[in-house]
Amino acid sequence: MEQAPQKKRIEYIDLMKGVCIIYVVFHHTVFLFGIDIVDKVVFNFFMPLYFFIAGIFFKPLSCFKEFLIHKTNRILIPYFFFSWVPYCALSFLFTTNFTNPLFWLLAPIHTNNGVLWFLKSLFFAQILYYFFEKATRNKSILTHVIILAIITLINYYVCGLYEEYVLSTRRSIIEHAFFTAVMMLPYLYAAHLTKIYGLLQKEWSRKQLGVFLILAIACAFLFAQKNVSLNVARFGDIYPFTYISALSSIGVVIILCKKIKRLPFVSYLGRYSLIVLGTHYAYLTILRKIYDFPEYINFIILLVLMPPTIWLFKTIFPYFTAQKDLIKYRPKDVVEESKSSEK
C-alpha cells in the first residue's frame, strides 16, 4: 500500500490494489461471501497480493540509510499517523479509553485501528528483504529458494510454539506482524523473479493465457488452506500449499487486471489504498455506534465516503499519507559539500 511517486502510473497495478482494498473494506464490514471454498481462496491471497506488489517496486537504493528513510516516509510515518488520526479523533466521543492520555501515547503500539497491522508487517518485510537481497545477491535462484524455505519453515514452527506456550498464558511480547513479515518474504521474491524475467511485460498468446488461467484457478482452489489469518500469524495447516494457492490467485488477478487495465472508481481507491486502509475502520466504528445498519449498507456507505476522504487527506496531510517525503535523504557527499561551502 505504499504510495510511491511515479512519473507514469501503471494502471493495472492501481486496479489490482483497488480490487484488494475494496475486499479489505468488505471483509471488515460484511466479513465473508458465504461460500466456503471462495472465502478460503480469498483469505489465502488477498493480503499476500499487497506484498507481491511491494516486491514489484522493491529497490535496495544506494545504502541502507536511504532505504530506511524511504520506507519510513512510505510506511512508518503513515502507520503512526493513522494510529492517532483519524481513528482517535473520530472515536473520541464513543470510547472512554480516549480520555486517558497514556492511551494516546501507546496507540501505535496497541492501536485500536487494528487494520494497521499490515503496515507494521510490510515495514518489517521490506527491511528483512533488503538484507536478504544484499546477502544473497550473487547466489543462484535455487540457493534463494532453499534459504527462504528454511527461514519460513523455522518461523512457521516458532509461531506455533509461541501461540501454544506464550499466548495461551500471557499477552503478546513479540509482534505478530514480525512473524507475518518473515512468511511474506517469498512473495517479495516471487515478484522479483517476475521482474528479472520480464513476465509482467511479456505478451502471451490466448492459448497460453487460457492454459495458465485454468491451471492457476485449479491450484488456487485445490491448495487453499483453512486457518489462514495473517494478522495473528496463522498460515494454514500445510503452509507450502498456502503459497501455491496464493501465487496462483495472484497470477489470475494480474492477468485479468492487465486485460481490463482501468476501472476509474476502483483504480482511484487502489492508487490511494493507504488512505482507505487508514480511515475506513474508523468510519465503520462510528457507523456502528450511530445506528445498527445492515453490514452491506455499511460497506456501501464506506465506499461512498472514500473519494472525499482521499481528497481531504492527500490535500491536508500529504507528508503523513506517503504523498510527499517528510524526512529528506541527503547523500553524504552532498552534506560534506554543503558544510564545506558554508565554511
Foldseek 3Di string as FASTA:
>chain_A
DFQADDPDDQLLLLLLLLVLLLVVLCCVQVNDPPDVLVRLLCLLASLLLVLLVCLLPQDLPDDVVVVLLLLCQGQVLLLLCLLQPPQLVLCVVPDPVSVDPVCNVCSSVVGPLLLSLSSVLSSLLSVVLSVVCVVCVPPDPVVSVVVLVVQLVVLQVVLVCCVVPPVVVDDDPDALSNSLSSVSNVSSVVSVVCVVVVVLPDDDDPVVVVVLLVVLVVLLSVLRFPQRDSNSNTQHPPNVSSVSNNVSVSVVSSVVSVVVSHDPLSSVCSSQVLQLSSPLVSQVVVVVVVDPDRSVVSSVVSSVPPVVSSVVCCVPPVSSSNNDPPDDDDDPVRVVVVVVVVD
